[in-house]
PDB file of N, CA and C in Angstrom:
ATOM      1  N   MET A   1       4.183 -63.435 -27.020  1.00  0.00           N
ATOM      2  CA  MET A   1       5.241 -63.611 -26.971  1.00  0.00           C
ATOM      3  C   MET A   1       5.611 -64.630 -28.167  1.00  0.00           C
ATOM      4  N   LEU A   2       6.789 -64.372 -28.674  1.00  0.00           N
ATOM      5  CA  LEU A   2       7.027 -65.293 -29.828  1.00  0.00           C
ATOM      6  C   LEU A   2       8.061 -66.357 -29.360  1.00  0.00           C
ATOM      7  N   ASP A   3       8.244 -67.746 -30.248  1.00  0.00           N
ATOM      8  CA  ASP A   3       8.378 -68.764 -29.824  1.00  0.00           C
ATOM      9  C   ASP A   3      10.095 -68.881 -30.080  1.00  0.00           C
ATOM     10  N   LEU A   4      10.780 -69.490 -28.613  1.00  0.00           N
ATOM     11  CA  LEU A   4      12.160 -69.523 -29.144  1.00  0.00           C
ATOM     12  C   LEU A   4      12.471 -70.829 -29.897  1.00  0.00           C
ATOM     13  N   LYS A   5      13.567 -70.723 -31.220  1.00  0.00           N
ATOM     14  CA  LYS A   5      13.575 -71.908 -31.719  1.00  0.00           C
ATOM     15  C   LYS A   5      15.199 -72.164 -31.524  1.00  0.00           C
ATOM     16  N   ILE A   6      15.766 -73.533 -31.539  1.00  0.00           N
ATOM     17  CA  ILE A   6      17.103 -73.545 -31.340  1.00  0.00           C
ATOM     18  C   ILE A   6      17.116 -74.736 -32.504  1.00  0.00           C
ATOM     19  N   ARG A   7      18.113 -74.397 -33.513  1.00  0.00           N
ATOM     20  CA  ARG A   7      18.286 -75.281 -34.649  1.00  0.00           C
ATOM     21  C   ARG A   7      19.764 -75.507 -34.859  1.00  0.00           C
ATOM     22  N   ILE A   8      20.265 -76.929 -34.696  1.00  0.00           N
ATOM     23  CA  ILE A   8      21.539 -77.599 -34.895  1.00  0.00           C
ATOM     24  C   ILE A   8      21.392 -78.240 -36.149  1.00  0.00           C
ATOM     25  N   PHE A   9      22.812 -77.448 -36.916  1.00  0.00           N
ATOM     26  CA  PHE A   9      22.689 -78.039 -38.511  1.00  0.00           C
ATOM     27  C   PHE A   9      24.343 -78.807 -38.113  1.00  0.00           C
ATOM     28  N   LYS A  10      24.191 -79.739 -38.930  1.00  0.00           N
ATOM     29  CA  LYS A  10      25.452 -80.594 -39.049  1.00  0.00           C
ATOM     30  C   LYS A  10      25.807 -81.104 -40.172  1.00  0.00           C
ATOM     31  N   GLY A  11      27.254 -81.359 -40.611  1.00  0.00           N
ATOM     32  CA  GLY A  11      27.528 -81.664 -41.717  1.00  0.00           C
ATOM     33  C   GLY A  11      27.208 -80.794 -43.006  1.00  0.00           C
ATOM     34  N   GLY A  12      27.076 -79.458 -42.531  1.00  0.00           N
ATOM     35  CA  GLY A  12      26.672 -78.552 -43.569  1.00  0.00           C
ATOM     36  C   GLY A  12      25.238 -78.914 -44.402  1.00  0.00           C
ATOM     37  N   LEU A  13      24.786 -79.464 -43.914  1.00  0.00           N
ATOM     38  CA  LEU A  13      23.417 -79.598 -44.497  1.00  0.00           C
ATOM     39  C   LEU A  13      22.165 -78.764 -44.463  1.00  0.00           C
ATOM     40  N   PRO A  14      21.618 -78.918 -45.104  1.00  0.00           N
ATOM     41  CA  PRO A  14      20.560 -77.469 -45.222  1.00  0.00           C
ATOM     42  C   PRO A  14      19.366 -77.977 -44.120  1.00  0.00           C
ATOM     43  N   GLU A  15      19.185 -78.671 -43.479  1.00  0.00           N
ATOM     44  CA  GLU A  15      18.053 -79.235 -42.894  1.00  0.00           C
ATOM     45  C   GLU A  15      18.534 -79.379 -41.827  1.00  0.00           C
ATOM     46  N   PRO A  16      18.077 -78.799 -40.363  1.00  0.00           N
ATOM     47  CA  PRO A  16      18.821 -78.722 -39.049  1.00  0.00           C
ATOM     48  C   PRO A  16      18.822 -80.544 -38.606  1.00  0.00           C
ATOM     49  N   ALA A  17      19.663 -81.016 -37.891  1.00  0.00           N
ATOM     50  CA  ALA A  17      19.698 -82.309 -37.585  1.00  0.00           C
ATOM     51  C   ALA A  17      18.582 -82.358 -36.170  1.00  0.00           C
ATOM     52  N   THR A  18      18.469 -80.888 -35.499  1.00  0.00           N
ATOM     53  CA  THR A  18      17.855 -81.393 -34.389  1.00  0.00           C
ATOM     54  C   THR A  18      17.271 -79.808 -34.186  1.00  0.00           C
ATOM     55  N   THR A  19      16.065 -79.593 -33.940  1.00  0.00           N
ATOM     56  CA  THR A  19      15.146 -78.714 -33.982  1.00  0.00           C
ATOM     57  C   THR A  19      14.612 -78.686 -32.516  1.00  0.00           C
ATOM     58  N   ILE A  20      14.641 -77.555 -31.620  1.00  0.00           N
ATOM     59  CA  ILE A  20      14.099 -77.502 -30.342  1.00  0.00           C
ATOM     60  C   ILE A  20      13.553 -75.993 -30.384  1.00  0.00           C
ATOM     61  N   THR A  21      11.857 -76.359 -30.122  1.00  0.00           N
ATOM     62  CA  THR A  21      10.912 -75.193 -29.895  1.00  0.00           C
ATOM     63  C   THR A  21      10.476 -74.893 -28.486  1.00  0.00           C
ATOM     64  N   VAL A  22      10.425 -73.788 -27.775  1.00  0.00           N
ATOM     65  CA  VAL A  22       9.662 -73.775 -26.844  1.00  0.00           C
ATOM     66  C   VAL A  22       9.129 -72.437 -27.297  1.00  0.00           C
ATOM     67  N   PRO A  23       7.858 -72.778 -27.119  1.00  0.00           N
ATOM     68  CA  PRO A  23       6.650 -72.028 -27.159  1.00  0.00           C
ATOM     69  C   PRO A  23       6.571 -70.462 -26.321  1.00  0.00           C
ATOM     70  N   GLY A  24       6.455 -69.422 -26.751  1.00  0.00           N
ATOM     71  CA  GLY A  24       6.377 -68.210 -26.230  1.00  0.00           C
ATOM     72  C   GLY A  24       5.615 -67.895 -24.900  1.00  0.00           C
ATOM     73  N   SER A  25       4.642 -68.767 -24.794  1.00  0.00           N
ATOM     74  CA  SER A  25       3.924 -68.838 -23.587  1.00  0.00           C
ATOM     75  C   SER A  25       4.144 -69.525 -22.293  1.00  0.00           C
ATOM     76  N   VAL A  26       5.473 -70.268 -22.519  1.00  0.00           N
ATOM     77  CA  VAL A  26       6.108 -71.051 -21.444  1.00  0.00           C
ATOM     78  C   VAL A  26       7.368 -70.628 -21.148  1.00  0.00           C
ATOM     79  N   LEU A  27       7.701 -69.658 -21.947  1.00  0.00           N
ATOM     80  CA  LEU A  27       9.113 -69.510 -22.395  1.00  0.00           C
ATOM     81  C   LEU A  27       9.971 -68.738 -20.740  1.00  0.00           C
ATOM     82  N   LYS A  28       9.226 -68.424 -19.937  1.00  0.00           N
ATOM     83  CA  LYS A  28       9.606 -67.823 -18.775  1.00  0.00           C
ATOM     84  C   LYS A  28       9.984 -68.922 -17.592  1.00  0.00           C
ATOM     85  N   ILE A  29       9.900 -70.337 -18.208  1.00  0.00           N
ATOM     86  CA  ILE A  29      10.174 -71.153 -17.357  1.00  0.00           C
ATOM     87  C   ILE A  29      10.916 -72.126 -18.099  1.00  0.00           C
ATOM     88  N   ALA A  30      11.210 -71.986 -19.292  1.00  0.00           N
ATOM     89  CA  ALA A  30      11.947 -72.468 -20.474  1.00  0.00           C
ATOM     90  C   ALA A  30      13.393 -73.703 -19.684  1.00  0.00           C
ATOM     91  N   SER A  31      13.741 -72.586 -18.748  1.00  0.00           N
ATOM     92  CA  SER A  31      15.014 -73.523 -18.321  1.00  0.00           C
ATOM     93  C   SER A  31      14.795 -74.823 -17.809  1.00  0.00           C
ATOM     94  N   LYS A  32      13.530 -74.837 -16.911  1.00  0.00           N
ATOM     95  CA  LYS A  32      13.131 -75.982 -17.012  1.00  0.00           C
ATOM     96  C   LYS A  32      12.521 -77.294 -18.236  1.00  0.00           C
ATOM     97  N   LEU A  33      12.310 -76.749 -19.111  1.00  0.00           N
ATOM     98  CA  LEU A  33      11.720 -77.308 -20.260  1.00  0.00           C
ATOM     99  C   LEU A  33      12.852 -77.739 -20.691  1.00  0.00           C
ATOM    100  N   ILE A  34      13.768 -77.103 -21.559  1.00  0.00           N
ATOM    101  CA  ILE A  34      15.074 -77.051 -22.489  1.00  0.00           C
ATOM    102  C   ILE A  34      15.597 -78.308 -21.987  1.00  0.00           C
ATOM    103  N   PRO A  35      15.778 -79.061 -23.284  1.00  0.00           N
ATOM    104  CA  PRO A  35      16.521 -80.124 -22.675  1.00  0.00           C
ATOM    105  C   PRO A  35      18.197 -79.943 -22.072  1.00  0.00           C
ATOM    106  N   GLN A  36      18.791 -80.814 -21.156  1.00  0.00           N
ATOM    107  CA  GLN A  36      20.343 -80.548 -21.040  1.00  0.00           C
ATOM    108  C   GLN A  36      21.098 -80.444 -21.818  1.00  0.00           C
ATOM    109  N   LYS A  37      21.181 -81.160 -23.098  1.00  0.00           N
ATOM    110  CA  LYS A  37      21.947 -81.239 -23.830  1.00  0.00           C
ATOM    111  C   LYS A  37      22.176 -79.652 -24.604  1.00  0.00           C
ATOM    112  N   ALA A  38      20.693 -78.958 -24.626  1.00  0.00           N
ATOM    113  CA  ALA A  38      20.574 -78.110 -25.202  1.00  0.00           C
ATOM    114  C   ALA A  38      21.188 -76.715 -24.339  1.00  0.00           C
ATOM    115  N   MET A  39      20.586 -76.747 -23.154  1.00  0.00           N
ATOM    116  CA  MET A  39      21.033 -75.941 -22.380  1.00  0.00           C
ATOM    117  C   MET A  39      22.637 -75.825 -22.142  1.00  0.00           C
ATOM    118  N   GLY A  40      23.325 -77.109 -22.147  1.00  0.00           N
ATOM    119  CA  GLY A  40      24.532 -77.255 -22.061  1.00  0.00           C
ATOM    120  C   GLY A  40      25.200 -76.414 -23.126  1.00  0.00           C
ATOM    121  N   THR A  41      24.676 -76.547 -24.298  1.00  0.00           N
ATOM    122  CA  THR A  41      25.554 -75.655 -25.369  1.00  0.00           C
ATOM    123  C   THR A  41      25.030 -74.197 -25.492  1.00  0.00           C
ATOM    124  N   LEU A  42      23.961 -73.747 -25.079  1.00  0.00           N
ATOM    125  CA  LEU A  42      23.846 -72.333 -24.565  1.00  0.00           C
ATOM    126  C   LEU A  42      24.831 -71.867 -23.678  1.00  0.00           C
ATOM    127  N   ASN A  43      25.165 -72.601 -22.752  1.00  0.00           N
ATOM    128  CA  ASN A  43      25.982 -72.570 -21.680  1.00  0.00           C
ATOM    129  C   ASN A  43      27.302 -71.959 -22.103  1.00  0.00           C
ATOM    130  N   GLU A  44      27.901 -73.352 -22.537  1.00  0.00           N
ATOM    131  CA  GLU A  44      29.319 -73.213 -23.495  1.00  0.00           C
ATOM    132  C   GLU A  44      29.494 -72.013 -24.270  1.00  0.00           C
ATOM    133  N   LYS A  45      28.534 -71.436 -25.015  1.00  0.00           N
ATOM    134  CA  LYS A  45      28.613 -70.436 -25.840  1.00  0.00           C
ATOM    135  C   LYS A  45      28.260 -69.058 -25.043  1.00  0.00           C
ATOM    136  N   GLY A  46      28.233 -69.121 -23.703  1.00  0.00           N
ATOM    137  CA  GLY A  46      28.247 -67.759 -23.141  1.00  0.00           C
ATOM    138  C   GLY A  46      26.610 -67.186 -23.388  1.00  0.00           C
ATOM    139  N   ILE A  47      25.940 -68.089 -23.709  1.00  0.00           N
ATOM    140  CA  ILE A  47      24.415 -67.377 -24.252  1.00  0.00           C
ATOM    141  C   ILE A  47      23.599 -67.385 -22.970  1.00  0.00           C
ATOM    142  N   ASP A  48      23.041 -66.131 -22.713  1.00  0.00           N
ATOM    143  CA  ASP A  48      21.776 -65.877 -21.118  1.00  0.00           C
ATOM    144  C   ASP A  48      20.779 -66.122 -21.764  1.00  0.00           C
ATOM    145  N   LEU A  49      20.086 -67.137 -21.189  1.00  0.00           N
ATOM    146  CA  LEU A  49      18.765 -67.407 -21.966  1.00  0.00           C
ATOM    147  C   LEU A  49      17.762 -66.519 -21.146  1.00  0.00           C
ATOM    148  N   ASN A  50      18.079 -66.224 -19.780  1.00  0.00           N
ATOM    149  CA  ASN A  50      16.997 -64.688 -19.264  1.00  0.00           C
ATOM    150  C   ASN A  50      17.372 -63.474 -20.240  1.00  0.00           C
ATOM    151  N   GLU A  51      18.351 -63.186 -20.849  1.00  0.00           N
ATOM    152  CA  GLU A  51      18.351 -62.085 -21.706  1.00  0.00           C
ATOM    153  C   GLU A  51      17.305 -62.444 -22.932  1.00  0.00           C
ATOM    154  N   ILE A  52      17.507 -63.633 -23.421  1.00  0.00           N
ATOM    155  CA  ILE A  52      16.820 -64.008 -24.471  1.00  0.00           C
ATOM    156  C   ILE A  52      15.113 -63.798 -24.202  1.00  0.00           C
ATOM    157  N   ILE A  53      14.964 -64.264 -23.248  1.00  0.00           N
ATOM    158  CA  ILE A  53      13.390 -64.353 -22.770  1.00  0.00           C
ATOM    159  C   ILE A  53      13.058 -63.090 -22.576  1.00  0.00           C
ATOM    160  N   ASN A  54      13.707 -61.918 -22.146  1.00  0.00           N
ATOM    161  CA  ASN A  54      13.590 -60.542 -21.945  1.00  0.00           C
ATOM    162  C   ASN A  54      13.385 -60.001 -23.790  1.00  0.00           C
ATOM    163  N   ILE A  55      14.240 -60.372 -24.429  1.00  0.00           N
ATOM    164  CA  ILE A  55      14.150 -59.959 -25.878  1.00  0.00           C
ATOM    165  C   ILE A  55      12.800 -60.300 -26.406  1.00  0.00           C
ATOM    166  N   ALA A  56      12.363 -61.832 -25.915  1.00  0.00           N
ATOM    167  CA  ALA A  56      11.130 -62.438 -26.826  1.00  0.00           C
ATOM    168  C   ALA A  56      10.004 -61.346 -26.164  1.00  0.00           C
ATOM    169  N   GLU A  57       9.889 -61.037 -24.771  1.00  0.00           N
ATOM    170  CA  GLU A  57       8.570 -60.045 -24.806  1.00  0.00           C
ATOM    171  C   GLU A  57       8.459 -58.649 -25.469  1.00  0.00           C
ATOM    172  N   ASN A  58       9.505 -58.571 -26.564  1.00  0.00           N
ATOM    173  CA  ASN A  58       9.261 -57.563 -27.540  1.00  0.00           C
ATOM    174  C   ASN A  58       8.808 -58.144 -28.450  1.00  0.00           C
ATOM    175  N   THR A  59       7.565 -57.803 -28.670  1.00  0.00           N
ATOM    176  CA  THR A  59       6.973 -58.321 -30.364  1.00  0.00           C
ATOM    177  C   THR A  59       7.719 -57.772 -31.409  1.00  0.00           C
ATOM    178  N   ASP A  60       8.230 -56.751 -31.348  1.00  0.00           N
ATOM    179  CA  ASP A  60       8.905 -55.968 -32.221  1.00  0.00           C
ATOM    180  C   ASP A  60      10.038 -56.897 -32.951  1.00  0.00           C
ATOM    181  N   VAL A  61      11.098 -57.402 -32.248  1.00  0.00           N
ATOM    182  CA  VAL A  61      12.195 -58.130 -32.175  1.00  0.00           C
ATOM    183  C   VAL A  61      11.814 -59.775 -32.901  1.00  0.00           C
ATOM    184  N   HIS A  62      11.939 -59.917 -33.622  1.00  0.00           N
ATOM    185  CA  HIS A  62      12.012 -61.498 -34.353  1.00  0.00           C
ATOM    186  C   HIS A  62      13.275 -61.885 -35.416  1.00  0.00           C
ATOM    187  N   GLY A  63      13.348 -62.968 -35.548  1.00  0.00           N
ATOM    188  CA  GLY A  63      14.136 -63.573 -36.247  1.00  0.00           C
ATOM    189  C   GLY A  63      15.420 -63.920 -35.765  1.00  0.00           C
ATOM    190  N   THR A  64      16.727 -64.196 -36.546  1.00  0.00           N
ATOM    191  CA  THR A  64      17.755 -64.861 -35.901  1.00  0.00           C
ATOM    192  C   THR A  64      18.214 -63.751 -35.061  1.00  0.00           C
ATOM    193  N   LEU A  65      18.257 -64.440 -33.898  1.00  0.00           N
ATOM    194  CA  LEU A  65      19.311 -63.575 -32.716  1.00  0.00           C
ATOM    195  C   LEU A  65      20.860 -63.857 -32.923  1.00  0.00           C
ATOM    196  N   ILE A  66      20.938 -65.097 -32.889  1.00  0.00           N
ATOM    197  CA  ILE A  66      22.542 -65.698 -32.690  1.00  0.00           C
ATOM    198  C   ILE A  66      22.885 -66.885 -33.656  1.00  0.00           C
ATOM    199  N   GLU A  67      23.923 -66.724 -34.455  1.00  0.00           N
ATOM    200  CA  GLU A  67      24.167 -68.079 -35.293  1.00  0.00           C
ATOM    201  C   GLU A  67      25.973 -68.506 -34.915  1.00  0.00           C
ATOM    202  N   ILE A  68      25.832 -69.509 -34.521  1.00  0.00           N
ATOM    203  CA  ILE A  68      27.312 -70.086 -34.332  1.00  0.00           C
ATOM    204  C   ILE A  68      27.761 -70.898 -34.991  1.00  0.00           C
ATOM    205  N   GLU A  69      28.836 -70.795 -35.718  1.00  0.00           N
ATOM    206  CA  GLU A  69      29.111 -72.035 -36.578  1.00  0.00           C
ATOM    207  C   GLU A  69      30.563 -72.263 -35.779  1.00  0.00           C
ATOM    208  N   GLU A  70      30.516 -73.718 -35.492  1.00  0.00           N
ATOM    209  CA  GLU A  70      31.474 -74.586 -34.952  1.00  0.00           C
ATOM    210  C   GLU A  70      32.395 -75.169 -36.184  1.00  0.00           C
ATOM    211  N   HIS A  71      33.384 -74.945 -36.926  1.00  0.00           N
ATOM    212  CA  HIS A  71      33.833 -75.293 -38.043  1.00  0.00           C
ATOM    213  C   HIS A  71      34.622 -76.626 -37.771  1.00  0.00           C
ATOM    214  N   GLU A  72      35.096 -76.624 -36.492  1.00  0.00           N
ATOM    215  CA  GLU A  72      35.975 -77.990 -36.167  1.00  0.00           C
ATOM    216  C   GLU A  72      35.050 -79.026 -36.160  1.00  0.00           C
ATOM    217  N   LYS A  73      33.898 -79.058 -35.536  1.00  0.00           N
ATOM    218  CA  LYS A  73      32.671 -79.774 -35.313  1.00  0.00           C
ATOM    219  C   LYS A  73      31.747 -80.162 -36.450  1.00  0.00           C
ATOM    220  N   ASP A  74      32.048 -78.904 -37.853  1.00  0.00           N
ATOM    221  CA  ASP A  74      31.366 -78.841 -38.741  1.00  0.00           C
ATOM    222  C   ASP A  74      29.697 -79.074 -38.628  1.00  0.00           C
ATOM    223  N   GLU A  75      29.366 -77.947 -37.436  1.00  0.00           N
ATOM    224  CA  GLU A  75      27.966 -77.593 -36.932  1.00  0.00           C
ATOM    225  C   GLU A  75      27.933 -76.265 -36.694  1.00  0.00           C
ATOM    226  N   ARG A  76      26.588 -76.005 -36.987  1.00  0.00           N
ATOM    227  CA  ARG A  76      25.763 -74.861 -36.996  1.00  0.00           C
ATOM    228  C   ARG A  76      25.004 -74.828 -36.053  1.00  0.00           C
ATOM    229  N   ILE A  77      25.019 -73.940 -34.937  1.00  0.00           N
ATOM    230  CA  ILE A  77      23.661 -73.467 -34.219  1.00  0.00           C
ATOM    231  C   ILE A  77      22.842 -71.922 -34.484  1.00  0.00           C
ATOM    232  N   VAL A  78      21.360 -72.127 -34.709  1.00  0.00           N
ATOM    233  CA  VAL A  78      20.816 -70.998 -35.167  1.00  0.00           C
ATOM    234  C   VAL A  78      19.375 -70.883 -33.927  1.00  0.00           C
ATOM    235  N   ILE A  79      19.625 -69.351 -33.162  1.00  0.00           N
ATOM    236  CA  ILE A  79      18.693 -69.422 -32.540  1.00  0.00           C
ATOM    237  C   ILE A  79      17.859 -68.201 -33.010  1.00  0.00           C
ATOM    238  N   ALA A  80      16.718 -68.304 -32.861  1.00  0.00           N
ATOM    239  CA  ALA A  80      15.641 -67.392 -33.453  1.00  0.00           C
ATOM    240  C   ALA A  80      14.426 -67.331 -32.671  1.00  0.00           C
ATOM    241  N   LEU A  81      13.783 -65.994 -32.792  1.00  0.00           N
ATOM    242  CA  LEU A  81      12.621 -65.901 -32.159  1.00  0.00           C
ATOM    243  C   LEU A  81      11.548 -65.615 -33.061  1.00  0.00           C
ATOM    244  N   GLU A  82      10.597 -66.709 -33.528  1.00  0.00           N
ATOM    245  CA  GLU A  82       9.572 -66.525 -34.203  1.00  0.00           C
ATOM    246  C   GLU A  82       7.986 -66.657 -33.901  1.00  0.00           C
TER     247      GLU A  82
END
């Protein structure tokens, strides 16, 4: 199973301000491991972590799944399987 990566970019910078990596081997219990701040962001955006876990089980799917741009906050969130 692929790793889940959540990257948060701020201020238009090319490097992420925050990166959260959840190894694929523990992805099924990820809701207990992902920091509350990141879970809150996912929930606010209507992103279903369980569906991402289902997708991660298919090794043919990899790369960026979702990219969210918050123009008012000058923030970009990228969720990927790598």
